Amino acid sequence: MNPVIAVQPIVAVQPRWSATRLKTFLNCPRQFHYAYVAGIPAVPTSPLVFGRVLHQVLCFAHERQMAERKLPPVAQVLEQFDGLWSRALDEEQPFFRPGAPSPQMHTTLAHELLRAFLSAHQDKAPPLAVELAFEIEAAGHALCGVIDRVDEGQSGLIIVDFKSGARKPPLADVERDLQLTLYAFAAQKVLEQPVEQVVHYHLRNSSQIATQRGESEFEWLLDKVLPHVAQAVEREQFSPRYGYWCNWCDFRELCRAQDERDHAERNYPQPEPETAKGGEAWPTPHN
């Protein structure tokens, strides 16, 4: 069983804020409205389904490691992926964008990533927890999420977040990543231990980008981000935020139609490379 930390139930605190919900609103309030207020279902895409299956397989491997003090055989892990991936393809029928790798190419890639991951962790200690679910209250808001892995460091917890995408972010992006900040804050509260490091684990090349989180980042989350988003949602402020990310938005056509109805047709400009960052309008510790 995946460990779920029991905490005091939250009464009359709405809504529940996950990192995904917060990042969605900060990236585009209209997208947030479509997904979480109107409840319009999004089409499952191949990267999302592939990433989720990889997470499930890594959880399987680490749970076996925690139970038996060693990782399972490579063949067993690959077989686990094949079964879950095949089932996901059949049941969810994810959308493969034009030019995207085929299902078989995804399988080949997954086998490569999993072999490299198992080799890198063969002689390492089991984690403290995997798929650690939490729900806590902070500053009048309910925070929830699932932490991929928690390790024991020399002076505190190490929060690990697996990423299966092709793009490896620069250190500056990891240092300000909202998801890692929320996870570090939650882990510190729930496990009652300090957080030594947060780690972005890039599965494509088995590399890790490690950084720290402290009180200044937690204050940014609690005093800037959460009040900003919660107040805007309460006031139903869901103006669109246009950018290159619109090209991959599940609600792009719906958004265009709404613009036409509002007599405010807009283009979807490609920003200059140095400004092509979806999080630049977010509240940061520096503003």
Protein backbone atom coordinates (compact mmCIF):
# COMPACT_ATOMS: atom_id res chain seq x y z
CA MET A 1 0.00 0.00 0.00
CA ASN A 2 1.17 3.53 -0.71
CA PRO A 3 1.75 5.48 2.51
CA VAL A 4 -0.84 8.14 3.23
CA ILE A 5 -0.06 10.40 6.15
CA ALA A 6 -3.10 10.91 8.38
CA VAL A 7 -3.64 14.52 9.37
CA GLN A 8 -6.46 16.41 11.02
CA PRO A 9 -9.51 16.67 8.74
CA ILE A 10 -10.11 20.03 7.15
CA VAL A 11 -13.52 21.52 7.80
CA ALA A 12 -15.11 24.16 5.57
CA VAL A 13 -11.91 25.08 3.78
CA GLN A 14 -12.51 25.35 0.04
CA PRO A 15 -11.23 24.87 -2.51
CA ARG A 16 -8.43 22.35 -2.19
CA TRP A 17 -5.30 23.72 -3.83
CA SER A 18 -2.85 21.41 -5.55
CA ALA A 19 0.29 22.58 -7.31
CA THR A 20 -1.34 21.75 -10.64
CA ARG A 21 -4.36 23.92 -9.92
CA LEU A 22 -2.25 26.84 -8.75
CA LYS A 23 0.08 26.62 -11.75
CA THR A 24 -2.84 26.34 -14.15
CA PHE A 25 -4.41 29.53 -12.82
CA LEU A 26 -1.14 31.44 -12.85
CA ASN A 27 -0.43 30.31 -16.39
CA CYS A 28 -3.93 31.16 -17.68
CA PRO A 29 -7.00 31.97 -15.53
CA ARG A 30 -9.34 31.11 -18.37
CA GLN A 31 -7.82 27.65 -18.71
CA PHE A 32 -8.34 27.21 -14.97
CA HIS A 33 -12.00 28.18 -15.38
CA TYR A 34 -12.56 25.68 -18.17
CA ALA A 35 -10.85 22.84 -16.28
CA TYR A 36 -11.88 23.37 -12.66
CA VAL A 37 -14.92 25.65 -12.60
CA ALA A 38 -16.79 24.57 -15.73
CA GLY A 39 -15.39 21.06 -15.30
CA ILE A 40 -14.78 20.50 -19.01
CA PRO A 41 -12.82 17.26 -19.39
CA ALA A 42 -9.49 17.44 -21.18
CA VAL A 43 -8.39 14.95 -23.80
CA PRO A 44 -5.66 12.67 -22.40
CA THR A 45 -2.47 13.23 -24.37
CA SER A 46 0.34 10.77 -24.89
CA PRO A 47 2.93 12.70 -22.79
CA LEU A 48 0.57 12.89 -19.80
CA VAL A 49 -0.47 9.25 -19.94
CA PHE A 50 3.10 8.09 -20.57
CA GLY A 51 4.37 10.14 -17.64
CA ARG A 52 1.69 8.79 -15.31
CA VAL A 53 2.45 5.19 -16.25
CA LEU A 54 6.16 5.75 -15.66
CA HIS A 55 5.36 7.16 -12.22
CA GLN A 56 3.27 4.08 -11.41
CA VAL A 57 6.11 1.77 -12.42
CA LEU A 58 8.68 3.69 -10.37
CA CYS A 59 6.32 3.52 -7.40
CA PHE A 60 6.04 -0.26 -7.90
CA ALA A 61 9.84 -0.62 -7.99
CA HIS A 62 10.40 1.48 -4.88
CA GLU A 63 7.62 -0.22 -2.92
CA ARG A 64 9.25 -3.56 -3.63
CA GLN A 65 12.59 -2.07 -2.59
CA MET A 66 11.10 -0.84 0.69
CA ALA A 67 9.50 -4.21 1.40
CA GLU A 68 12.38 -6.47 0.37
CA ARG A 69 15.36 -4.10 0.84
CA LYS A 70 16.26 -4.48 -2.83
CA LEU A 71 14.89 -3.41 -6.18
CA PRO A 72 12.98 -5.95 -8.27
CA PRO A 73 14.63 -7.52 -11.35
CA VAL A 74 14.76 -5.36 -14.46
CA ALA A 75 12.60 -7.78 -16.45
CA GLN A 76 9.87 -7.56 -13.84
CA VAL A 77 9.86 -3.77 -13.92
CA LEU A 78 9.73 -3.67 -17.72
CA GLU A 79 6.89 -6.20 -17.70
CA GLN A 80 5.03 -3.96 -15.25
CA PHE A 81 5.41 -1.01 -17.61
CA ASP A 82 4.27 -3.01 -20.63
CA GLY A 83 1.10 -4.12 -18.88
CA LEU A 84 0.17 -0.69 -17.56
CA TRP A 85 1.01 1.06 -20.84
CA SER A 86 -1.01 -1.41 -22.89
CA ARG A 87 -3.98 -1.01 -20.57
CA ALA A 88 -3.74 2.78 -20.66
CA LEU A 89 -3.66 2.77 -24.46
CA ASP A 90 -6.74 0.56 -24.60
CA GLU A 91 -8.79 2.26 -21.89
CA GLU A 92 -7.83 5.92 -22.29
CA GLN A 93 -6.90 6.07 -25.98
CA PRO A 94 -4.55 9.04 -25.50
CA PHE A 95 -4.18 11.58 -28.26
CA PHE A 96 -0.86 11.45 -30.13
CA ARG A 97 -0.13 14.81 -31.72
CA PRO A 98 1.14 14.85 -35.33
CA GLY A 99 4.82 13.96 -35.32
CA ALA A 100 4.73 12.53 -31.82
CA PRO A 101 6.51 9.23 -31.08
CA SER A 102 4.39 6.13 -31.66
CA PRO A 103 3.20 3.89 -28.79
CA GLN A 104 6.00 1.43 -29.61
CA MET A 105 8.57 4.24 -29.56
CA HIS A 106 7.25 5.23 -26.13
CA THR A 107 7.75 1.63 -24.99
CA THR A 108 11.33 1.61 -26.26
CA LEU A 109 12.04 4.92 -24.52
CA ALA A 110 10.47 3.73 -21.26
CA HIS A 111 12.61 0.57 -21.25
CA GLU A 112 15.73 2.68 -21.70
CA LEU A 113 14.76 5.08 -18.92
CA LEU A 114 13.79 2.32 -16.50
CA ARG A 115 16.98 0.33 -17.11
CA ALA A 116 19.06 3.45 -16.44
CA PHE A 117 17.03 4.31 -13.34
CA LEU A 118 17.34 0.84 -11.83
CA SER A 119 21.07 0.75 -12.53
CA ALA A 120 21.55 4.12 -10.83
CA HIS A 121 19.61 3.04 -7.72
CA GLN A 122 20.82 -0.55 -7.37
CA ASP A 123 23.05 0.13 -4.35
CA LYS A 124 21.08 2.96 -2.78
CA ALA A 125 18.98 2.83 0.37
CA PRO A 126 15.21 2.50 0.01
CA PRO A 127 13.24 5.75 0.19
CA LEU A 128 11.35 6.85 3.26
CA ALA A 129 8.11 7.04 1.27
CA VAL A 130 6.77 6.96 -2.28
CA GLU A 131 3.56 8.46 -3.64
CA LEU A 132 3.11 10.26 -0.34
CA ALA A 133 -0.39 11.76 -0.33
CA PHE A 134 -1.10 14.75 1.88
CA GLU A 135 -3.87 17.18 2.68
CA ILE A 136 -3.12 19.96 5.11
CA GLU A 137 -4.46 23.37 6.13
CA ALA A 138 -2.28 26.46 5.93
CA ALA A 139 -3.26 30.11 6.25
CA GLY A 140 -6.91 29.22 5.79
CA HIS A 141 -6.32 27.22 2.63
CA ALA A 142 -6.44 23.48 1.99
CA LEU A 143 -3.29 22.20 0.28
CA CYS A 144 -3.14 18.74 -1.25
CA GLY A 145 -0.91 16.69 -3.45
CA VAL A 146 1.12 13.52 -3.90
CA ILE A 147 4.91 13.60 -3.50
CA ASP A 148 6.71 11.16 -5.78
CA ARG A 149 9.45 10.17 -3.35
CA VAL A 150 10.85 11.20 0.02
CA ASP A 151 14.41 10.24 0.95
CA GLU A 152 16.29 10.62 4.21
CA GLY A 153 19.21 13.00 3.92
CA GLN A 154 21.98 13.77 6.39
CA SER A 155 20.20 16.75 7.90
CA GLY A 156 16.59 16.35 6.79
CA LEU A 157 14.19 15.18 4.13
CA ILE A 158 14.95 15.08 0.42
CA ILE A 159 11.89 15.68 -1.76
CA VAL A 160 12.15 14.07 -5.20
CA ASP A 161 9.86 14.89 -8.11
CA PHE A 162 10.14 12.71 -11.21
CA LYS A 163 9.80 14.35 -14.62
CA SER A 164 9.52 12.39 -17.86
CA GLY A 165 9.39 15.26 -20.37
CA ALA A 166 12.07 15.89 -22.96
CA ARG A 167 12.94 19.38 -21.73
CA LYS A 168 15.36 19.66 -18.84
CA PRO A 169 14.81 22.99 -17.07
CA PRO A 170 17.64 25.29 -16.02
CA LEU A 171 18.52 25.58 -12.35
CA ALA A 172 16.78 28.96 -12.11
CA ASP A 173 13.44 27.39 -13.05
CA VAL A 174 13.84 24.62 -10.47
CA GLU A 175 14.75 27.17 -7.79
CA ARG A 176 11.40 28.91 -8.27
CA ASP A 177 9.28 25.85 -9.06
CA LEU A 178 5.97 26.18 -7.25
CA GLN A 179 5.32 22.45 -7.07
CA LEU A 180 8.57 21.75 -5.24
CA THR A 181 7.91 24.64 -2.88
CA LEU A 182 4.47 23.32 -1.99
CA TYR A 183 5.80 19.78 -1.55
CA ALA A 184 8.64 20.91 0.69
CA PHE A 185 6.26 22.95 2.84
CA ALA A 186 3.81 20.04 3.14
CA ALA A 187 6.48 17.43 3.89
CA GLN A 188 7.97 19.59 6.61
CA LYS A 189 4.56 20.01 8.24
CA VAL A 190 3.36 16.43 7.85
CA LEU A 191 6.55 14.54 8.67
CA GLU A 192 7.71 17.13 11.22
CA GLN A 193 11.26 17.16 9.89
CA PRO A 194 13.22 19.88 8.09
CA VAL A 195 13.66 19.63 4.35
CA GLU A 196 17.31 19.39 3.31
CA GLN A 197 16.80 19.45 -0.46
CA VAL A 198 14.25 19.37 -3.22
CA VAL A 199 15.19 17.48 -6.36
CA HIS A 200 13.93 17.64 -9.93
CA TYR A 201 14.73 14.14 -11.24
CA HIS A 202 15.00 14.25 -15.03
CA LEU A 203 14.28 10.69 -16.14
CA ARG A 204 15.42 11.20 -19.73
CA ASN A 205 19.07 11.21 -18.70
CA SER A 206 18.87 10.13 -15.04
CA SER A 207 20.15 13.53 -13.91
CA GLN A 208 19.11 15.44 -10.81
CA ILE A 209 18.78 19.17 -10.23
CA ALA A 210 18.90 19.83 -6.50
CA THR A 211 18.10 23.04 -4.67
CA GLN A 212 16.75 24.20 -1.32
CA ARG A 213 13.54 25.61 0.08
CA GLY A 214 13.19 27.71 3.21
CA GLU A 215 11.02 30.21 5.01
CA SER A 216 11.26 32.88 2.31
CA GLU A 217 9.87 30.49 -0.32
CA PHE A 218 7.15 29.29 2.06
CA GLU A 219 6.15 32.89 2.79
CA TRP A 220 5.97 33.53 -0.96
CA LEU A 221 3.60 30.58 -1.33
CA LEU A 222 1.39 31.46 1.65
CA ASP A 223 1.44 35.26 1.53
CA LYS A 224 1.57 35.94 -2.20
CA VAL A 225 0.56 33.04 -4.41
CA LEU A 226 -2.33 31.54 -2.43
CA PRO A 227 -4.08 34.85 -1.58
CA HIS A 228 -3.61 36.11 -5.14
CA VAL A 229 -5.14 33.01 -6.73
CA ALA A 230 -7.88 32.46 -4.14
CA GLN A 231 -9.05 36.07 -4.32
CA ALA A 232 -9.11 36.09 -8.11
CA VAL A 233 -11.09 32.85 -8.23
CA GLU A 234 -13.56 34.12 -5.63
CA ARG A 235 -14.09 37.26 -7.72
CA GLU A 236 -14.43 35.13 -10.87
CA GLN A 237 -11.52 36.87 -12.59
CA PHE A 238 -10.75 34.46 -15.40
CA SER A 239 -9.25 36.61 -18.12
CA PRO A 240 -7.17 34.67 -20.66
CA ARG A 241 -3.40 34.91 -20.75
CA TYR A 242 -2.11 34.38 -24.26
CA GLY A 243 1.25 32.97 -25.28
CA TYR A 244 3.04 30.12 -26.98
CA TRP A 245 1.44 27.69 -24.49
CA CYS A 246 -1.91 28.26 -26.24
CA ASN A 247 -0.70 25.95 -29.02
CA TRP A 248 -0.88 22.99 -26.60
CA CYS A 249 -3.95 24.02 -24.62
CA ASP A 250 -6.80 21.49 -24.52
CA PHE A 251 -9.30 24.35 -24.69
CA ARG A 252 -7.75 26.35 -27.51
CA GLU A 253 -10.69 26.10 -29.92
CA LEU A 254 -13.19 26.79 -27.16
CA CYS A 255 -11.16 29.84 -26.16
CA ARG A 256 -11.10 31.11 -29.74
CA ALA A 257 -14.87 30.71 -30.00
CA GLN A 258 -15.36 32.61 -26.76
CA ASP A 259 -13.16 35.43 -28.04
CA GLU A 260 -15.26 35.64 -31.17
CA ARG A 261 -18.43 35.77 -29.12
CA ASP A 262 -16.91 38.54 -27.06
CA HIS A 263 -15.91 40.42 -30.24
CA ALA A 264 -12.30 40.34 -29.12
CA GLU A 265 -10.48 38.19 -31.61
CA ARG A 266 -6.81 37.83 -30.74
CA ASN A 267 -3.75 36.30 -32.30
CA TYR A 268 -1.54 33.73 -30.59
CA PRO A 269 1.86 35.38 -30.95
CA GLN A 270 5.07 33.51 -30.45
CA PRO A 271 7.05 35.38 -27.76
CA GLU A 272 10.71 36.20 -28.09
CA PRO A 273 12.89 33.30 -26.88
CA GLU A 274 14.09 35.14 -23.80
CA THR A 275 10.51 35.75 -22.66
CA ALA A 276 9.05 32.37 -23.56
CA LYS A 277 8.44 31.26 -20.00
CA GLY A 278 4.94 30.43 -18.86
CA GLY A 279 5.62 31.48 -15.28
CA GLU A 280 6.94 34.99 -15.81
CA ALA A 281 3.70 36.64 -14.70
CA TRP A 282 3.63 34.64 -11.50
CA PRO A 283 4.27 36.28 -8.14
CA THR A 284 7.89 35.57 -7.26
CA PRO A 285 10.08 36.20 -4.22
CA HIS A 286 11.67 39.05 -6.17
CA ASN A 287 8.59 41.15 -6.84
